[in-house]
Amino acid sequence: MSQLETSFAALNDDEKRIMERLQKLTGSSDSESLVVLQKSVDTLQSLDSKLTILLEENRQLQKEQDELEDQHKRLAALVRSRQAEMAARAGQ
């Protein structure tokens, strides 16, 4: 599990504990408290969605970076090979 995924799981656990604590502190009968709790839940769900999107974008960017690193290695090897050929021709 990646560090971001671990953080995501911890965030979900924290969310549950916070909600339980808020419910104990405010009680369930007060409608204002319920509105605050609902807004908090909505905000946390929004953050959860954004985190999921960021995790996917991070995976895609990491894949692209890995591909570019491989391409760079191949091109660097090709350049060294061509330089060696040119040096050999110049030495003849």
PDB file of N, CA and C in Angstrom:
ATOM      1  N   MET A   1       0.854  -1.172   0.000  1.00  0.00           N
ATOM      2  CA  MET A   1       0.000   0.000   0.000  1.00  0.00           C
ATOM      3  C   MET A   1       0.902   1.237   0.000  1.00  0.00           C
ATOM      4  N   SER A   2       0.618   2.192  -0.874  1.00  0.00           N
ATOM      5  CA  SER A   2       1.445   3.391  -0.966  1.00  0.00           C
ATOM      6  C   SER A   2       1.204   4.296   0.232  1.00  0.00           C
ATOM      7  N   GLN A   3       2.091   5.261   0.383  1.00  0.00           N
ATOM      8  CA  GLN A   3       1.971   6.202   1.493  1.00  0.00           C
ATOM      9  C   GLN A   3       0.669   6.991   1.397  1.00  0.00           C
ATOM     10  N   LEU A   4       0.281   7.399   0.187  1.00  0.00           N
ATOM     11  CA  LEU A   4      -0.963   8.145   0.024  1.00  0.00           C
ATOM     12  C   LEU A   4      -2.173   7.283   0.364  1.00  0.00           C
ATOM     13  N   GLU A   5      -2.137   6.027  -0.031  1.00  0.00           N
ATOM     14  CA  GLU A   5      -3.252   5.135   0.273  1.00  0.00           C
ATOM     15  C   GLU A   5      -3.351   4.882   1.777  1.00  0.00           C
ATOM     16  N   THR A   6      -2.206   4.773   2.441  1.00  0.00           N
ATOM     17  CA  THR A   6      -2.191   4.619   3.892  1.00  0.00           C
ATOM     18  C   THR A   6      -2.775   5.854   4.556  1.00  0.00           C
ATOM     19  N   SER A   7      -2.395   7.032   4.056  1.00  0.00           N
ATOM     20  CA  SER A   7      -2.942   8.282   4.584  1.00  0.00           C
ATOM     21  C   SER A   7      -4.447   8.345   4.363  1.00  0.00           C
ATOM     22  N   PHE A   8      -4.883   7.872   3.215  1.00  0.00           N
ATOM     23  CA  PHE A   8      -6.311   7.855   2.886  1.00  0.00           C
ATOM     24  C   PHE A   8      -7.072   6.974   3.875  1.00  0.00           C
ATOM     25  N   ALA A   9      -6.543   5.799   4.174  1.00  0.00           N
ATOM     26  CA  ALA A   9      -7.194   4.894   5.126  1.00  0.00           C
ATOM     27  C   ALA A   9      -7.241   5.526   6.513  1.00  0.00           C
ATOM     28  N   ALA A  10      -6.154   6.173   6.905  1.00  0.00           N
ATOM     29  CA  ALA A  10      -6.123   6.849   8.204  1.00  0.00           C
ATOM     30  C   ALA A  10      -7.146   7.979   8.250  1.00  0.00           C
ATOM     31  N   LEU A  11      -7.309   8.683   7.132  1.00  0.00           N
ATOM     32  CA  LEU A  11      -8.296   9.763   7.058  1.00  0.00           C
ATOM     33  C   LEU A  11      -9.703   9.221   7.276  1.00  0.00           C
ATOM     34  N   ASN A  12     -10.008   8.087   6.677  1.00  0.00           N
ATOM     35  CA  ASN A  12     -11.329   7.474   6.868  1.00  0.00           C
ATOM     36  C   ASN A  12     -11.557   7.095   8.330  1.00  0.00           C
ATOM     37  N   ASP A  13     -10.525   6.533   8.982  1.00  0.00           N
ATOM     38  CA  ASP A  13     -10.642   6.186  10.398  1.00  0.00           C
ATOM     39  C   ASP A  13     -10.846   7.435  11.239  1.00  0.00           C
ATOM     40  N   ASP A  14     -10.090   8.482  10.940  1.00  0.00           N
ATOM     41  CA  ASP A  14     -10.235   9.753  11.658  1.00  0.00           C
ATOM     42  C   ASP A  14     -11.633  10.325  11.470  1.00  0.00           C
ATOM     43  N   GLU A  15     -12.146  10.228  10.259  1.00  0.00           N
ATOM     44  CA  GLU A  15     -13.492  10.739   9.964  1.00  0.00           C
ATOM     45  C   GLU A  15     -14.528  10.056  10.853  1.00  0.00           C
ATOM     46  N   LYS A  16     -14.438   8.749  10.976  1.00  0.00           N
ATOM     47  CA  LYS A  16     -15.394   8.007  11.799  1.00  0.00           C
ATOM     48  C   LYS A  16     -15.299   8.434  13.265  1.00  0.00           C
ATOM     49  N   ARG A  17     -14.069   8.552  13.765  1.00  0.00           N
ATOM     50  CA  ARG A  17     -13.890   8.952  15.165  1.00  0.00           C
ATOM     51  C   ARG A  17     -14.403  10.369  15.403  1.00  0.00           C
ATOM     52  N   ILE A  18     -14.146  11.270  14.482  1.00  0.00           N
ATOM     53  CA  ILE A  18     -14.608  12.652  14.617  1.00  0.00           C
ATOM     54  C   ILE A  18     -16.131  12.705  14.624  1.00  0.00           C
ATOM     55  N   MET A  19     -16.754  11.968  13.699  1.00  0.00           N
ATOM     56  CA  MET A  19     -18.214  11.964  13.633  1.00  0.00           C
ATOM     57  C   MET A  19     -18.815  11.422  14.933  1.00  0.00           C
ATOM     58  N   GLU A  20     -18.261  10.341  15.453  1.00  0.00           N
ATOM     59  CA  GLU A  20     -18.766   9.776  16.705  1.00  0.00           C
ATOM     60  C   GLU A  20     -18.607  10.773  17.848  1.00  0.00           C
ATOM     61  N   ARG A  21     -17.466  11.427  17.890  1.00  0.00           N
ATOM     62  CA  ARG A  21     -17.212  12.412  18.953  1.00  0.00           C
ATOM     63  C   ARG A  21     -18.164  13.601  18.836  1.00  0.00           C
ATOM     64  N   LEU A  22     -18.348  14.107  17.620  1.00  0.00           N
ATOM     65  CA  LEU A  22     -19.262  15.232  17.432  1.00  0.00           C
ATOM     66  C   LEU A  22     -20.688  14.865  17.818  1.00  0.00           C
ATOM     67  N   GLN A  23     -21.101  13.659  17.476  1.00  0.00           N
ATOM     68  CA  GLN A  23     -22.451  13.229  17.837  1.00  0.00           C
ATOM     69  C   GLN A  23     -22.612  13.139  19.352  1.00  0.00           C
ATOM     70  N   LYS A  24     -21.581  12.662  20.043  1.00  0.00           N
ATOM     71  CA  LYS A  24     -21.641  12.585  21.503  1.00  0.00           C
ATOM     72  C   LYS A  24     -21.667  13.980  22.121  1.00  0.00           C
ATOM     73  N   LEU A  25     -20.858  14.885  21.560  1.00  0.00           N
ATOM     74  CA  LEU A  25     -20.776  16.237  22.110  1.00  0.00           C
ATOM     75  C   LEU A  25     -22.033  17.053  21.850  1.00  0.00           C
ATOM     76  N   THR A  26     -22.598  16.905  20.658  1.00  0.00           N
ATOM     77  CA  THR A  26     -23.730  17.752  20.279  1.00  0.00           C
ATOM     78  C   THR A  26     -25.072  17.090  20.522  1.00  0.00           C
ATOM     79  N   GLY A  27     -25.118  15.790  20.582  1.00  0.00           N
ATOM     80  CA  GLY A  27     -26.391  15.083  20.682  1.00  0.00           C
ATOM     81  C   GLY A  27     -27.065  15.062  19.318  1.00  0.00           C
ATOM     82  N   SER A  28     -27.963  14.134  19.112  1.00  0.00           N
ATOM     83  CA  SER A  28     -28.586  13.977  17.798  1.00  0.00           C
ATOM     84  C   SER A  28     -29.866  14.775  17.634  1.00  0.00           C
ATOM     85  N   SER A  29     -30.413  15.351  18.715  1.00  0.00           N
ATOM     86  CA  SER A  29     -31.721  15.997  18.615  1.00  0.00           C
ATOM     87  C   SER A  29     -31.654  17.432  18.098  1.00  0.00           C
ATOM     88  N   ASP A  30     -30.539  18.109  18.247  1.00  0.00           N
ATOM     89  CA  ASP A  30     -30.417  19.511  17.848  1.00  0.00           C
ATOM     90  C   ASP A  30     -30.242  19.610  16.335  1.00  0.00           C
ATOM     91  N   SER A  31     -31.182  20.267  15.667  1.00  0.00           N
ATOM     92  CA  SER A  31     -31.132  20.339  14.205  1.00  0.00           C
ATOM     93  C   SER A  31     -29.939  21.158  13.713  1.00  0.00           C
ATOM     94  N   GLU A  32     -29.536  22.192  14.450  1.00  0.00           N
ATOM     95  CA  GLU A  32     -28.355  22.971  14.038  1.00  0.00           C
ATOM     96  C   GLU A  32     -27.107  22.104  14.067  1.00  0.00           C
ATOM     97  N   SER A  33     -26.983  21.307  15.092  1.00  0.00           N
ATOM     98  CA  SER A  33     -25.836  20.406  15.198  1.00  0.00           C
ATOM     99  C   SER A  33     -25.839  19.400  14.062  1.00  0.00           C
ATOM    100  N   LEU A  34     -27.016  18.912  13.719  1.00  0.00           N
ATOM    101  CA  LEU A  34     -27.105  17.958  12.614  1.00  0.00           C
ATOM    102  C   LEU A  34     -26.698  18.602  11.295  1.00  0.00           C
ATOM    103  N   VAL A  35     -27.062  19.868  11.107  1.00  0.00           N
ATOM    104  CA  VAL A  35     -26.671  20.583   9.890  1.00  0.00           C
ATOM    105  C   VAL A  35     -25.151  20.719   9.837  1.00  0.00           C
ATOM    106  N   VAL A  36     -24.551  21.080  10.974  1.00  0.00           N
ATOM    107  CA  VAL A  36     -23.093  21.203  11.038  1.00  0.00           C
ATOM    108  C   VAL A  36     -22.442  19.857  10.748  1.00  0.00           C
ATOM    109  N   LEU A  37     -22.983  18.812  11.343  1.00  0.00           N
ATOM    110  CA  LEU A  37     -22.444  17.474  11.100  1.00  0.00           C
ATOM    111  C   LEU A  37     -22.575  17.084   9.634  1.00  0.00           C
ATOM    112  N   GLN A  38     -23.711  17.382   9.028  1.00  0.00           N
ATOM    113  CA  GLN A  38     -23.919  17.030   7.625  1.00  0.00           C
ATOM    114  C   GLN A  38     -22.956  17.791   6.730  1.00  0.00           C
ATOM    115  N   LYS A  39     -22.752  19.078   7.037  1.00  0.00           N
ATOM    116  CA  LYS A  39     -21.801  19.864   6.245  1.00  0.00           C
ATOM    117  C   LYS A  39     -20.387  19.312   6.404  1.00  0.00           C
ATOM    118  N   SER A  40     -20.064  18.886   7.619  1.00  0.00           N
ATOM    119  CA  SER A  40     -18.750  18.290   7.853  1.00  0.00           C
ATOM    120  C   SER A  40     -18.587  17.007   7.051  1.00  0.00           C
ATOM    121  N   VAL A  41     -19.623  16.193   7.053  1.00  0.00           N
ATOM    122  CA  VAL A  41     -19.591  14.944   6.280  1.00  0.00           C
ATOM    123  C   VAL A  41     -19.447  15.253   4.793  1.00  0.00           C
ATOM    124  N   ASP A  42     -20.210  16.223   4.309  1.00  0.00           N
ATOM    125  CA  ASP A  42     -20.128  16.604   2.895  1.00  0.00           C
ATOM    126  C   ASP A  42     -18.720  17.068   2.538  1.00  0.00           C
ATOM    127  N   THR A  43     -18.131  17.876   3.417  1.00  0.00           N
ATOM    128  CA  THR A  43     -16.771  18.365   3.178  1.00  0.00           C
ATOM    129  C   THR A  43     -15.782  17.207   3.149  1.00  0.00           C
ATOM    130  N   LEU A  44     -15.905  16.293   4.102  1.00  0.00           N
ATOM    131  CA  LEU A  44     -15.007  15.138   4.138  1.00  0.00           C
ATOM    132  C   LEU A  44     -15.185  14.252   2.908  1.00  0.00           C
ATOM    133  N   GLN A  45     -16.421  14.081   2.462  1.00  0.00           N
ATOM    134  CA  GLN A  45     -16.655  13.283   1.254  1.00  0.00           C
ATOM    135  C   GLN A  45     -16.056  13.961   0.028  1.00  0.00           C
ATOM    136  N   SER A  46     -16.152  15.280  -0.017  1.00  0.00           N
ATOM    137  CA  SER A  46     -15.552  16.021  -1.125  1.00  0.00           C
ATOM    138  C   SER A  46     -14.038  15.850  -1.116  1.00  0.00           C
ATOM    139  N   LEU A  47     -13.443  15.959   0.061  1.00  0.00           N
ATOM    140  CA  LEU A  47     -11.996  15.763   0.179  1.00  0.00           C
ATOM    141  C   LEU A  47     -11.606  14.338  -0.195  1.00  0.00           C
ATOM    142  N   ASP A  48     -12.430  13.381   0.182  1.00  0.00           N
ATOM    143  CA  ASP A  48     -12.191  11.985  -0.169  1.00  0.00           C
ATOM    144  C   ASP A  48     -12.179  11.806  -1.687  1.00  0.00           C
ATOM    145  N   SER A  49     -13.148  12.421  -2.354  1.00  0.00           N
ATOM    146  CA  SER A  49     -13.212  12.333  -3.822  1.00  0.00           C
ATOM    147  C   SER A  49     -11.991  12.973  -4.461  1.00  0.00           C
ATOM    148  N   LYS A  50     -11.606  14.133  -3.950  1.00  0.00           N
ATOM    149  CA  LYS A  50     -10.427  14.818  -4.494  1.00  0.00           C
ATOM    150  C   LYS A  50      -9.167  13.998  -4.274  1.00  0.00           C
ATOM    151  N   LEU A  51      -9.052  13.374  -3.108  1.00  0.00           N
ATOM    152  CA  LEU A  51      -7.894  12.538  -2.825  1.00  0.00           C
ATOM    153  C   LEU A  51      -7.838  11.349  -3.775  1.00  0.00           C
ATOM    154  N   THR A  52      -8.976  10.742  -4.041  1.00  0.00           N
ATOM    155  CA  THR A  52      -9.039   9.613  -4.973  1.00  0.00           C
ATOM    156  C   THR A  52      -8.572  10.037  -6.362  1.00  0.00           C
ATOM    157  N   ILE A  53      -9.020  11.203  -6.801  1.00  0.00           N
ATOM    158  CA  ILE A  53      -8.610  11.729  -8.111  1.00  0.00           C
ATOM    159  C   ILE A  53      -7.110  11.988  -8.126  1.00  0.00           C
ATOM    160  N   LEU A  54      -6.597  12.599  -7.063  1.00  0.00           N
ATOM    161  CA  LEU A  54      -5.165  12.888  -6.988  1.00  0.00           C
ATOM    162  C   LEU A  54      -4.329  11.615  -6.972  1.00  0.00           C
ATOM    163  N   LEU A  55      -4.812  10.587  -6.287  1.00  0.00           N
ATOM    164  CA  LEU A  55      -4.094   9.312  -6.277  1.00  0.00           C
ATOM    165  C   LEU A  55      -3.992   8.730  -7.683  1.00  0.00           C
ATOM    166  N   GLU A  56      -5.084   8.779  -8.423  1.00  0.00           N
ATOM    167  CA  GLU A  56      -5.080   8.250  -9.791  1.00  0.00           C
ATOM    168  C   GLU A  56      -4.170   9.078 -10.693  1.00  0.00           C
ATOM    169  N   GLU A  57      -4.250  10.399 -10.568  1.00  0.00           N
ATOM    170  CA  GLU A  57      -3.381  11.260 -11.369  1.00  0.00           C
ATOM    171  C   GLU A  57      -1.918  11.003 -11.027  1.00  0.00           C
ATOM    172  N   ASN A  58      -1.627  10.792  -9.752  1.00  0.00           N
ATOM    173  CA  ASN A  58      -0.261  10.505  -9.336  1.00  0.00           C
ATOM    174  C   ASN A  58       0.233   9.197  -9.952  1.00  0.00           C
ATOM    175  N   ARG A  59      -0.613   8.176  -9.961  1.00  0.00           N
ATOM    176  CA  ARG A  59      -0.236   6.895 -10.588  1.00  0.00           C
ATOM    177  C   ARG A  59       0.070   7.082 -12.075  1.00  0.00           C
ATOM    178  N   GLN A  60      -0.778   7.848 -12.758  1.00  0.00           N
ATOM    179  CA  GLN A  60      -0.571   8.079 -14.188  1.00  0.00           C
ATOM    180  C   GLN A  60       0.720   8.853 -14.437  1.00  0.00           C
ATOM    181  N   LEU A  61       0.958   9.878 -13.634  1.00  0.00           N
ATOM    182  CA  LEU A  61       2.179  10.668 -13.800  1.00  0.00           C
ATOM    183  C   LEU A  61       3.422   9.834 -13.502  1.00  0.00           C
ATOM    184  N   GLN A  62       3.350   8.977 -12.501  1.00  0.00           N
ATOM    185  CA  GLN A  62       4.478   8.106 -12.183  1.00  0.00           C
ATOM    186  C   GLN A  62       4.756   7.152 -13.345  1.00  0.00           C
ATOM    187  N   LYS A  63       3.696   6.625 -13.948  1.00  0.00           N
ATOM    188  CA  LYS A  63       3.857   5.726 -15.097  1.00  0.00           C
ATOM    189  C   LYS A  63       4.515   6.469 -16.259  1.00  0.00           C
ATOM    190  N   GLU A  64       4.044   7.695 -16.528  1.00  0.00           N
ATOM    191  CA  GLU A  64       4.637   8.493 -17.603  1.00  0.00           C
ATOM    192  C   GLU A  64       6.098   8.802 -17.310  1.00  0.00           C
ATOM    193  N   GLN A  65       6.405   9.120 -16.048  1.00  0.00           N
ATOM    194  CA  GLN A  65       7.788   9.408 -15.683  1.00  0.00           C
ATOM    195  C   GLN A  65       8.668   8.183 -15.894  1.00  0.00           C
ATOM    196  N   ASP A  66       8.187   7.023 -15.500  1.00  0.00           N
ATOM    197  CA  ASP A  66       8.947   5.786 -15.699  1.00  0.00           C
ATOM    198  C   ASP A  66       9.204   5.541 -17.185  1.00  0.00           C
ATOM    199  N   GLU A  67       8.183   5.766 -18.018  1.00  0.00           N
ATOM    200  CA  GLU A  67       8.342   5.581 -19.462  1.00  0.00           C
ATOM    201  C   GLU A  67       9.357   6.570 -20.031  1.00  0.00           C
ATOM    202  N   LEU A  68       9.304   7.816 -19.572  1.00  0.00           N
ATOM    203  CA  LEU A  68      10.256   8.820 -20.048  1.00  0.00           C
ATOM    204  C   LEU A  68      11.678   8.501 -19.602  1.00  0.00           C
ATOM    205  N   GLU A  69      11.830   7.980 -18.390  1.00  0.00           N
ATOM    206  CA  GLU A  69      13.160   7.584 -17.925  1.00  0.00           C
ATOM    207  C   GLU A  69      13.719   6.457 -18.788  1.00  0.00           C
ATOM    208  N   ASP A  70      12.880   5.486 -19.132  1.00  0.00           N
ATOM    209  CA  ASP A  70      13.318   4.394 -20.011  1.00  0.00           C
ATOM    210  C   ASP A  70      13.715   4.928 -21.386  1.00  0.00           C
ATOM    211  N   GLN A  71      12.903   5.832 -21.913  1.00  0.00           N
ATOM    212  CA  GLN A  71      13.200   6.425 -23.216  1.00  0.00           C
ATOM    213  C   GLN A  71      14.513   7.204 -23.159  1.00  0.00           C
ATOM    214  N   HIS A  72      14.728   7.933 -22.086  1.00  0.00           N
ATOM    215  CA  HIS A  72      15.965   8.699 -21.921  1.00  0.00           C
ATOM    216  C   HIS A  72      17.180   7.767 -21.900  1.00  0.00           C
ATOM    217  N   LYS A  73      17.073   6.653 -21.184  1.00  0.00           N
ATOM    218  CA  LYS A  73      18.184   5.698 -21.114  1.00  0.00           C
ATOM    219  C   LYS A  73      18.503   5.134 -22.496  1.00  0.00           C
ATOM    220  N   ARG A  74      17.445   4.800 -23.264  1.00  0.00           N
ATOM    221  CA  ARG A  74      17.672   4.256 -24.613  1.00  0.00           C
ATOM    222  C   ARG A  74      18.329   5.295 -25.518  1.00  0.00           C
ATOM    223  N   LEU A  75      17.848   6.537 -25.438  1.00  0.00           N
ATOM    224  CA  LEU A  75      18.419   7.597 -26.272  1.00  0.00           C
ATOM    225  C   LEU A  75      19.861   7.899 -25.878  1.00  0.00           C
ATOM    226  N   ALA A  76      20.151   7.896 -24.587  1.00  0.00           N
ATOM    227  CA  ALA A  76      21.520   8.146 -24.129  1.00  0.00           C
ATOM    228  C   ALA A  76      22.452   7.041 -24.624  1.00  0.00           C
ATOM    229  N   ALA A  77      21.985   5.798 -24.593  1.00  0.00           N
ATOM    230  CA  ALA A  77      22.792   4.684 -25.095  1.00  0.00           C
ATOM    231  C   ALA A  77      23.021   4.827 -26.595  1.00  0.00           C
ATOM    232  N   LEU A  78      22.009   5.251 -27.333  1.00  0.00           N
ATOM    233  CA  LEU A  78      22.137   5.458 -28.773  1.00  0.00           C
ATOM    234  C   LEU A  78      23.143   6.567 -29.074  1.00  0.00           C
ATOM    235  N   VAL A  79      23.079   7.654 -28.328  1.00  0.00           N
ATOM    236  CA  VAL A  79      24.020   8.764 -28.523  1.00  0.00           C
ATOM    237  C   VAL A  79      25.445   8.295 -28.252  1.00  0.00           C
ATOM    238  N   ARG A  80      25.654   7.554 -27.163  1.00  0.00           N
ATOM    239  CA  ARG A  80      27.004   7.051 -26.856  1.00  0.00           C
ATOM    240  C   ARG A  80      27.500   6.129 -27.966  1.00  0.00           C
ATOM    241  N   SER A  81      26.611   5.295 -28.481  1.00  0.00           N
ATOM    242  CA  SER A  81      26.980   4.377 -29.554  1.00  0.00           C
ATOM    243  C   SER A  81      27.394   5.144 -30.807  1.00  0.00           C
ATOM    244  N   ARG A  82      26.608   6.163 -31.160  1.00  0.00           N
ATOM    245  CA  ARG A  82      26.926   6.968 -32.350  1.00  0.00           C
ATOM    246  C   ARG A  82      28.227   7.739 -32.160  1.00  0.00           C
ATOM    247  N   GLN A  83      28.435   8.247 -30.955  1.00  0.00           N
ATOM    248  CA  GLN A  83      29.675   8.975 -30.691  1.00  0.00           C
ATOM    249  C   GLN A  83      30.879   8.047 -30.808  1.00  0.00           C
ATOM    250  N   ALA A  84      30.733   6.822 -30.336  1.00  0.00           N
ATOM    251  CA  ALA A  84      31.821   5.848 -30.436  1.00  0.00           C
ATOM    252  C   ALA A  84      32.098   5.513 -31.897  1.00  0.00           C
ATOM    253  N   GLU A  85      31.038   5.371 -32.700  1.00  0.00           N
ATOM    254  CA  GLU A  85      31.208   5.106 -34.133  1.00  0.00           C
ATOM    255  C   GLU A  85      31.941   6.258 -34.811  1.00  0.00           C
ATOM    256  N   MET A  86      31.536   7.482 -34.494  1.00  0.00           N
ATOM    257  CA  MET A  86      32.164   8.654 -35.110  1.00  0.00           C
ATOM    258  C   MET A  86      33.625   8.774 -34.692  1.00  0.00           C
ATOM    259  N   ALA A  87      33.923   8.462 -33.439  1.00  0.00           N
ATOM    260  CA  ALA A  87      35.305   8.520 -32.960  1.00  0.00           C
ATOM    261  C   ALA A  87      36.148   7.456 -33.655  1.00  0.00           C
ATOM    262  N   ALA A  88      35.556   6.276 -33.862  1.00  0.00           N
ATOM    263  CA  ALA A  88      36.282   5.196 -34.540  1.00  0.00           C
ATOM    264  C   ALA A  88      36.566   5.575 -35.987  1.00  0.00           C
ATOM    265  N   ARG A  89      35.605   6.207 -36.658  1.00  0.00           N
ATOM    266  CA  ARG A  89      35.813   6.628 -38.043  1.00  0.00           C
ATOM    267  C   ARG A  89      36.868   7.720 -38.133  1.00  0.00           C
ATOM    268  N   ALA A  90      36.850   8.622 -37.184  1.00  0.00           N
ATOM    269  CA  ALA A  90      37.819   9.727 -37.188  1.00  0.00           C
ATOM    270  C   ALA A  90      39.229   9.208 -36.933  1.00  0.00           C
ATOM    271  N   GLY A  91      39.345   8.113 -36.204  1.00  0.00           N
ATOM    272  CA  GLY A  91      40.649   7.549 -35.888  1.00  0.00           C
ATOM    273  C   GLY A  91      41.245   6.719 -37.006  1.00  0.00           C
ATOM    274  N   GLN A  92      40.478   6.412 -38.037  1.00  0.00           N
ATOM    275  CA  GLN A  92      40.976   5.564 -39.129  1.00  0.00           C
ATOM    276  C   GLN A  92      41.885   6.300 -40.039  1.00  0.00           C
TER     277      GLN A  92
END
